[in-house]
Amino acid sequence: DMGVGEKKTITLEPSEAYGEPNPTAIIDVPLSNLPEGLQIGQVLQGQGPQGPFIVTVVEVNESTAKLDHNHPMAGKKLTFDLEVVNID
């Protein structure tokens, strides 16, 4: 619906993008199964039966860490600025 040179801003609600965060996707993992020196906010990559996955460290305790398996953009409203520069 846009022509060359037109600009538009669109916003996607979480339900239209990566969805809302799933609280069951945040799990406790023993520190003995993780690399030393974990920091809150650190991103780790793991390997599971269905392939590689990414987690974010959200809490570190004496013996466990909470790892968030949700997509980093889950729960976020996304806004895009679009411009049509060419139509073939």
Protein backbone atom coordinates (compact mmCIF):
# COMPACT_ATOMS: atom_id res chain seq x y z
CA ASP A 1 0.00 0.00 0.00
CA MET A 2 3.02 2.32 -0.14
CA GLY A 3 4.77 3.98 -3.04
CA VAL A 4 8.38 4.99 -3.64
CA GLY A 5 9.45 7.74 -1.25
CA GLU A 6 6.65 7.07 1.23
CA LYS A 7 7.49 6.73 4.90
CA LYS A 8 5.50 5.05 7.62
CA THR A 9 5.99 4.12 11.27
CA ILE A 10 4.43 0.87 12.47
CA THR A 11 4.21 -0.50 15.99
CA LEU A 12 3.76 -4.15 16.86
CA GLU A 13 2.37 -5.20 20.22
CA PRO A 14 4.12 -8.13 21.93
CA SER A 15 1.35 -10.48 20.79
CA GLU A 16 2.13 -9.55 17.16
CA ALA A 17 5.88 -10.03 17.59
CA TYR A 18 7.70 -12.32 20.05
CA GLY A 19 4.82 -12.76 22.51
CA GLU A 20 4.72 -12.22 26.23
CA PRO A 21 7.46 -13.68 28.44
CA ASN A 22 6.68 -17.18 29.69
CA PRO A 23 7.46 -17.41 33.43
CA THR A 24 8.00 -21.18 33.15
CA ALA A 25 10.91 -20.47 30.76
CA ILE A 26 12.95 -19.11 33.69
CA ILE A 27 14.70 -22.02 35.36
CA ASP A 28 17.19 -22.64 38.17
CA VAL A 29 20.42 -24.33 37.11
CA PRO A 30 23.18 -25.49 39.49
CA LEU A 31 26.27 -23.29 39.27
CA SER A 32 28.33 -26.47 38.88
CA ASN A 33 26.75 -26.85 35.40
CA LEU A 34 27.66 -23.31 34.33
CA PRO A 35 30.83 -21.34 33.57
CA GLU A 36 32.50 -19.54 36.47
CA GLY A 37 32.07 -15.82 37.00
CA LEU A 38 28.47 -15.45 35.80
CA GLN A 39 27.11 -11.91 35.70
CA ILE A 40 23.46 -10.84 35.72
CA GLY A 41 22.52 -9.87 32.17
CA GLN A 42 25.14 -12.18 30.64
CA VAL A 43 23.96 -14.12 27.58
CA LEU A 44 24.95 -17.77 27.24
CA GLN A 45 24.53 -20.22 24.39
CA GLY A 46 23.68 -23.85 25.04
CA GLN A 47 23.04 -26.93 22.98
CA GLY A 48 19.86 -28.96 23.40
CA PRO A 49 18.16 -31.84 21.60
CA GLN A 50 16.54 -29.37 19.17
CA GLY A 51 19.73 -27.41 18.52
CA PRO A 52 21.41 -24.32 19.96
CA PHE A 53 19.58 -21.95 22.30
CA ILE A 54 20.30 -18.64 24.01
CA VAL A 55 19.60 -17.81 27.67
CA THR A 56 20.05 -14.70 29.79
CA VAL A 57 21.34 -14.87 33.37
CA VAL A 58 18.75 -13.06 35.52
CA GLU A 59 19.91 -14.02 39.03
CA VAL A 60 22.95 -15.66 40.64
CA ASN A 61 22.75 -17.25 44.10
CA GLU A 62 25.22 -19.25 46.20
CA SER A 63 24.50 -22.54 44.42
CA THR A 64 22.20 -21.80 41.46
CA ALA A 65 21.56 -19.29 38.71
CA LYS A 66 18.21 -18.37 37.17
CA LEU A 67 18.38 -18.57 33.38
CA ASP A 68 15.73 -16.96 31.18
CA HIS A 69 15.00 -18.95 28.01
CA ASN A 70 12.53 -16.33 26.70
CA HIS A 71 13.45 -14.44 23.54
CA PRO A 72 15.14 -11.15 24.54
CA MET A 73 12.41 -9.20 22.72
CA ALA A 74 9.51 -11.08 24.39
CA GLY A 75 7.10 -8.67 26.07
CA LYS A 76 8.41 -5.66 24.17
CA LYS A 77 6.48 -3.36 21.88
CA LEU A 78 8.42 -2.99 18.61
CA THR A 79 8.38 0.18 16.51
CA PHE A 80 9.75 0.31 12.96
CA ASP A 81 10.30 3.32 10.71
CA LEU A 82 9.80 2.22 7.10
CA GLU A 83 10.64 3.93 3.83
CA VAL A 84 10.08 2.56 0.34
CA VAL A 85 13.20 3.31 -1.66
CA ASN A 86 12.56 1.16 -4.73
CA ILE A 87 9.92 -1.11 -6.22
CA ASP A 88 11.02 -3.71 -8.78
